[in-house]
Amino acid sequence: MTKEEIIAAVRNCTQEIGHAPSVGELITRTKVSIYGIKKYFGNYKRLLEACGLERGGSGYVVGLESLFPDWAGVVRKLGRVPTMMDYQLHGRYSSRPLVRHFGGWPHVPAGMLEYGRAEKMGDDWKDVLDVVAKHLTERPDLPRASRRTLSGSLRPIIQDDEPFYGPPMADGPMVFCPTNEAGVAVLFGAVAKDLGFRILRVQTGFPDCEAMLEVEPGRWQRKLIEFENDSRNFLLHGHLAAKCNMIVCWKHNWPECPLEVVELSSAISDLQSANRKGKDCDRG
């Protein structure tokens, strides 16, 4: 088995039995061998770490629903955003799951603030969210999300038994703009070649897509891509930034994102503008 096949086998086994398997469970349930573990990872602990599994306790995957209250508790205890060493001393978990989730320790505060707001944790953790927000405002090097104000008094009645469609897409591959991850995947497939990509494979597991991209004239690199309707859904879904290179989304609304982002709404608009200019030149 290849290194990637071993990692996939561990993750599939974890989903089947509800926790990270012991060595015996893995060998019994899969085709993974001790030789393969030692060859590619050195030992079983490193294999679990490569799979995004926390070794503490029974080896369960540590999700943001557990990491957030633990990290937020350290913020509340110290009265400030903790350093990695602070969290190692006062937190229940190691820093590794947080680093995997957000792609690096400097991204943890912004990621946790985004998660806390999205999950509406202001009632229980308002003091913590305020501390984190203040910390981020004192970091001018970090990007800031723009604020939008909605206007108008019209409040249409939403029909619960009818599906939602996005706004009409002018001259695009789809009649309406996507409203979910599946629509983004279909739209990306329609314009991937125009954007310089060549799709290698698509799968149901994370990450969704593997593609090649010409990063310089005549030079290509592989990109591991996750499809999201909104880029910040990557964070809400608990994906590991360390296991992905790029997010392809319809709207990019996660300014602190540590990954490359292709915002299809902007990319398609640019392609349409380029096509119109080309036609104008042809007429001239």
Protein backbone atom coordinates (compact mmCIF):
# COMPACT_ATOMS: atom_id res chain seq x y z
CA MET A 1 0.00 0.00 0.00
CA THR A 2 1.13 3.55 -0.66
CA LYS A 3 1.40 6.17 2.05
CA GLU A 4 -1.83 7.82 0.87
CA GLU A 5 -3.68 4.48 0.83
CA ILE A 6 -2.62 3.76 4.41
CA ILE A 7 -3.88 7.16 5.58
CA ALA A 8 -7.17 6.62 3.75
CA ALA A 9 -7.54 3.17 5.35
CA VAL A 10 -7.03 4.58 8.85
CA ARG A 11 -9.60 7.32 8.29
CA ASN A 12 -12.16 4.89 6.85
CA CYS A 13 -11.61 2.52 9.76
CA THR A 14 -12.03 5.42 12.21
CA GLN A 15 -15.39 6.28 10.66
CA GLU A 16 -16.53 2.66 10.83
CA ILE A 17 -15.72 2.03 14.50
CA GLY A 18 -16.20 5.56 15.84
CA HIS A 19 -12.68 6.11 17.13
CA ALA A 20 -9.07 5.90 16.02
CA PRO A 21 -8.26 2.18 15.76
CA SER A 22 -5.63 0.41 17.78
CA VAL A 23 -2.85 -1.28 15.83
CA GLY A 24 -4.66 -4.60 16.21
CA GLU A 25 -7.99 -3.20 15.00
CA LEU A 26 -6.31 -1.60 11.99
CA ILE A 27 -4.41 -4.72 10.95
CA THR A 28 -7.52 -6.88 11.39
CA ARG A 29 -9.94 -4.61 9.53
CA THR A 30 -7.73 -3.32 6.71
CA LYS A 31 -4.85 -4.35 4.44
CA VAL A 32 -2.39 -2.15 6.32
CA SER A 33 0.70 -3.98 7.56
CA ILE A 34 3.20 -3.25 10.31
CA TYR A 35 5.87 -3.06 7.60
CA GLY A 36 3.94 -0.32 5.79
CA ILE A 37 3.49 1.68 9.00
CA LYS A 38 7.21 1.54 9.80
CA LYS A 39 8.26 2.19 6.20
CA TYR A 40 6.28 5.41 5.73
CA PHE A 41 5.72 6.74 9.26
CA GLY A 42 8.27 5.16 11.59
CA ASN A 43 5.69 4.31 14.25
CA TYR A 44 1.94 4.16 14.82
CA LYS A 45 1.77 7.48 16.69
CA ARG A 46 3.15 9.34 13.68
CA LEU A 47 0.66 7.56 11.42
CA LEU A 48 -2.24 8.78 13.57
CA GLU A 49 -0.83 12.31 13.53
CA ALA A 50 -0.59 12.18 9.73
CA CYS A 51 -4.28 11.20 9.67
CA GLY A 52 -5.28 14.19 11.83
CA LEU A 53 -6.06 12.03 14.87
CA GLU A 54 -5.20 13.08 18.41
CA ARG A 55 -3.34 10.37 20.32
CA GLY A 56 -4.61 11.35 23.79
CA GLY A 57 -7.26 9.20 25.49
CA SER A 58 -8.84 6.73 23.11
CA GLY A 59 -7.47 8.49 20.05
CA TYR A 60 -10.65 10.26 18.98
CA VAL A 61 -10.48 13.07 16.45
CA VAL A 62 -10.59 16.37 18.33
CA GLY A 63 -13.09 18.68 16.64
CA LEU A 64 -13.67 22.40 17.06
CA GLU A 65 -16.70 21.68 19.23
CA SER A 66 -14.19 20.40 21.83
CA LEU A 67 -11.23 22.62 21.00
CA PHE A 68 -13.15 25.90 21.18
CA PRO A 69 -14.31 25.69 24.82
CA ASP A 70 -10.89 24.42 25.90
CA TRP A 71 -9.01 27.23 24.11
CA ALA A 72 -11.60 29.81 25.16
CA GLY A 73 -11.25 28.65 28.77
CA VAL A 74 -7.53 29.41 28.62
CA VAL A 75 -8.28 32.87 27.20
CA ARG A 76 -10.71 33.50 30.08
CA LYS A 77 -8.22 32.23 32.65
CA LEU A 78 -5.33 34.36 31.37
CA GLY A 79 -7.37 37.37 30.26
CA ARG A 80 -5.58 37.41 26.91
CA VAL A 81 -5.01 35.35 23.79
CA PRO A 82 -2.62 32.55 24.75
CA THR A 83 0.68 31.82 23.11
CA MET A 84 1.35 28.26 22.01
CA MET A 85 3.32 27.71 25.23
CA ASP A 86 0.45 29.13 27.32
CA TYR A 87 -1.95 26.67 25.74
CA GLN A 88 0.45 23.77 26.22
CA LEU A 89 0.58 24.64 29.94
CA HIS A 90 -3.10 25.39 30.61
CA GLY A 91 -5.08 23.60 27.88
CA ARG A 92 -6.41 20.07 27.93
CA TYR A 93 -5.16 19.25 24.44
CA SER A 94 -1.87 19.77 22.68
CA SER A 95 -1.44 22.60 20.19
CA ARG A 96 -1.28 20.16 17.25
CA PRO A 97 -5.05 19.85 16.55
CA LEU A 98 -5.43 23.64 16.48
CA VAL A 99 -2.44 24.06 14.19
CA ARG A 100 -3.88 21.41 11.85
CA HIS A 101 -7.31 23.01 11.81
CA PHE A 102 -6.13 26.56 11.08
CA GLY A 103 -2.87 26.03 9.21
CA GLY A 104 -0.62 27.58 11.84
CA TRP A 105 -0.77 28.99 15.37
CA PRO A 106 -0.97 32.67 14.27
CA HIS A 107 -4.30 31.88 12.54
CA VAL A 108 -5.91 30.33 15.64
CA PRO A 109 -7.36 33.54 17.21
CA ALA A 110 -9.09 34.69 14.00
CA GLY A 111 -10.30 31.18 13.29
CA MET A 112 -11.71 30.75 16.79
CA LEU A 113 -13.41 34.15 16.65
CA GLU A 114 -15.02 33.24 13.31
CA TYR A 115 -16.14 29.87 14.67
CA GLY A 116 -17.54 31.37 17.90
CA ARG A 117 -19.55 33.97 16.01
CA ALA A 118 -20.81 31.49 13.42
CA GLU A 119 -21.94 29.09 16.14
CA LYS A 120 -23.55 32.00 18.07
CA MET A 121 -21.53 31.44 21.24
CA GLY A 122 -21.77 35.07 22.32
CA ASP A 123 -24.02 34.29 25.29
CA ASP A 124 -21.59 31.93 27.01
CA TRP A 125 -18.29 33.26 25.68
CA LYS A 126 -18.90 36.97 25.04
CA ASP A 127 -16.00 38.01 27.29
CA VAL A 128 -13.66 35.69 25.41
CA LEU A 129 -14.82 36.81 21.97
CA ASP A 130 -14.33 40.43 23.03
CA VAL A 131 -10.76 39.69 24.15
CA VAL A 132 -9.99 37.95 20.87
CA ALA A 133 -11.57 40.72 18.77
CA LYS A 134 -9.52 43.33 20.64
CA HIS A 135 -6.38 41.26 20.08
CA LEU A 136 -7.03 41.17 16.35
CA THR A 137 -7.70 44.91 16.08
CA GLU A 138 -4.26 45.47 17.59
CA ARG A 139 -2.74 43.42 14.76
CA PRO A 140 -2.73 45.73 11.71
CA ASP A 141 -0.96 43.07 9.66
CA LEU A 142 -4.07 40.85 9.68
CA PRO A 143 -6.76 41.36 6.98
CA ARG A 144 -10.14 42.60 8.08
CA ALA A 145 -13.58 41.62 6.88
CA SER A 146 -15.61 44.35 5.24
CA ARG A 147 -18.97 45.29 6.75
CA ARG A 148 -22.14 45.54 4.70
CA THR A 149 -25.38 47.26 5.60
CA LEU A 150 -28.65 45.89 4.29
CA SER A 151 -31.31 48.42 3.35
CA GLY A 152 -34.93 48.25 2.28
CA SER A 153 -38.15 47.37 4.07
CA LEU A 154 -39.37 44.58 1.77
CA ARG A 155 -39.63 41.25 3.56
CA PRO A 156 -40.78 38.55 1.12
CA ILE A 157 -42.43 35.43 2.49
CA ILE A 158 -40.11 32.41 2.28
CA GLN A 159 -41.81 29.20 1.14
CA ASP A 160 -40.34 26.32 3.12
CA ASP A 161 -41.41 23.72 0.55
CA GLU A 162 -39.60 25.42 -2.35
CA PRO A 163 -35.85 25.19 -3.11
CA PHE A 164 -33.57 28.24 -3.18
CA TYR A 165 -31.76 29.48 -6.30
CA GLY A 166 -28.94 31.96 -6.55
CA PRO A 167 -29.13 35.17 -8.60
CA PRO A 168 -29.23 34.74 -12.40
CA MET A 169 -25.77 34.24 -13.89
CA ALA A 170 -25.27 36.36 -17.00
CA ASP A 171 -23.62 34.38 -19.83
CA GLY A 172 -22.28 31.83 -17.36
CA PRO A 173 -22.16 28.02 -17.53
CA MET A 174 -25.10 27.81 -15.09
CA VAL A 175 -28.46 29.57 -15.28
CA PHE A 176 -28.28 30.61 -11.62
CA CYS A 177 -25.38 31.17 -9.24
CA PRO A 178 -24.60 28.20 -6.97
CA THR A 179 -26.01 28.11 -3.44
CA ASN A 180 -24.20 25.03 -2.16
CA GLU A 181 -20.97 23.07 -2.36
CA ALA A 182 -22.24 20.73 -5.08
CA GLY A 183 -23.07 23.68 -7.33
CA VAL A 184 -19.58 25.08 -6.80
CA ALA A 185 -18.06 21.74 -7.81
CA VAL A 186 -20.10 21.61 -11.03
CA LEU A 187 -19.28 25.23 -11.87
CA PHE A 188 -15.57 24.71 -11.25
CA GLY A 189 -15.60 21.73 -13.60
CA ALA A 190 -17.13 23.93 -16.30
CA VAL A 191 -14.49 26.67 -16.06
CA ALA A 192 -11.46 24.80 -14.70
CA LYS A 193 -9.66 24.71 -18.05
CA ASP A 194 -10.20 28.44 -18.61
CA LEU A 195 -8.73 29.12 -15.17
CA GLY A 196 -5.63 27.07 -15.95
CA PHE A 197 -6.54 23.87 -14.07
CA ARG A 198 -6.52 20.25 -15.20
CA ILE A 199 -8.63 18.05 -12.94
CA LEU A 200 -7.02 14.73 -11.94
CA ARG A 201 -9.71 13.27 -9.69
CA VAL A 202 -12.77 14.13 -7.60
CA GLN A 203 -13.83 12.25 -4.46
CA THR A 204 -16.48 12.31 -1.76
CA GLY A 205 -13.93 12.55 1.05
CA PHE A 206 -11.79 15.50 2.11
CA PRO A 207 -10.31 17.17 0.14
CA ASP A 208 -12.85 17.10 -2.68
CA CYS A 209 -10.60 17.49 -5.71
CA GLU A 210 -7.08 16.96 -6.93
CA ALA A 211 -5.99 19.13 -9.87
CA MET A 212 -2.88 20.39 -11.63
CA LEU A 213 -2.29 24.13 -12.05
CA GLU A 214 0.25 25.89 -14.25
CA VAL A 215 1.95 28.09 -11.68
CA GLU A 216 4.57 29.40 -14.11
CA PRO A 217 4.87 29.05 -17.91
CA GLY A 218 5.60 25.38 -18.54
CA ARG A 219 5.66 24.49 -14.82
CA TRP A 220 2.75 22.70 -13.11
CA GLN A 221 1.99 21.78 -9.51
CA ARG A 222 -0.66 19.64 -7.85
CA LYS A 223 -3.37 21.37 -5.81
CA LEU A 224 -5.58 19.62 -3.24
CA ILE A 225 -8.88 21.50 -3.40
CA GLU A 226 -11.91 21.70 -1.11
CA PHE A 227 -15.15 23.04 -2.56
CA GLU A 228 -17.23 25.39 -0.39
CA ASN A 229 -20.07 27.77 -1.23
CA ASP A 230 -18.60 30.28 1.26
CA SER A 231 -14.90 30.02 2.03
CA ARG A 232 -15.46 30.26 5.79
CA ASN A 233 -17.51 27.04 5.65
CA PHE A 234 -14.12 25.28 5.48
CA LEU A 235 -13.62 26.37 9.08
CA LEU A 236 -17.17 25.54 10.18
CA HIS A 237 -16.90 22.04 8.70
CA GLY A 238 -13.82 21.38 10.82
CA HIS A 239 -11.48 20.65 7.90
CA LEU A 240 -7.73 20.56 8.46
CA ALA A 241 -5.87 23.32 6.66
CA ALA A 242 -2.66 21.28 6.76
CA LYS A 243 -4.28 18.64 4.52
CA CYS A 244 -5.39 21.02 1.76
CA ASN A 245 -3.79 23.59 -0.58
CA MET A 246 -6.73 25.56 -1.90
CA ILE A 247 -10.39 26.44 -1.39
CA VAL A 248 -12.59 26.92 -4.46
CA CYS A 249 -15.73 28.79 -3.45
CA TRP A 250 -18.44 31.02 -4.81
CA LYS A 251 -17.91 33.77 -2.23
CA HIS A 252 -14.70 34.40 -0.28
CA ASN A 253 -15.77 35.63 3.17
CA TRP A 254 -12.92 34.32 5.34
CA PRO A 255 -10.28 37.06 5.15
CA GLU A 256 -7.95 35.32 7.61
CA CYS A 257 -7.91 32.11 5.54
CA PRO A 258 -4.40 30.59 5.49
CA LEU A 259 -4.99 28.80 2.17
CA GLU A 260 -5.10 29.89 -1.46
CA VAL A 261 -8.66 30.80 -2.45
CA VAL A 262 -10.30 30.85 -5.89
CA GLU A 263 -13.50 32.91 -5.67
CA LEU A 264 -15.51 31.75 -8.68
CA SER A 265 -17.85 34.76 -8.64
CA SER A 266 -14.84 37.03 -9.28
CA ALA A 267 -12.96 34.60 -11.53
CA ILE A 268 -15.93 34.08 -13.86
CA SER A 269 -16.54 37.81 -14.02
CA ASP A 270 -12.90 38.31 -15.05
CA LEU A 271 -13.20 35.59 -17.70
CA GLN A 272 -16.34 37.21 -19.14
CA SER A 273 -14.65 40.61 -19.25
CA ALA A 274 -11.64 39.12 -21.04
CA ASN A 275 -13.91 37.40 -23.56
CA ARG A 276 -15.77 40.64 -24.28
CA LYS A 277 -12.50 42.49 -24.83
CA GLY A 278 -11.35 39.75 -27.17
CA LYS A 279 -14.52 40.03 -29.23
CA ASP A 280 -14.18 43.80 -29.40
CA CYS A 281 -10.62 43.42 -30.69
CA ASP A 282 -11.81 40.95 -33.31
CA ARG A 283 -14.41 43.43 -34.55
CA GLY A 284 -11.84 46.17 -34.70
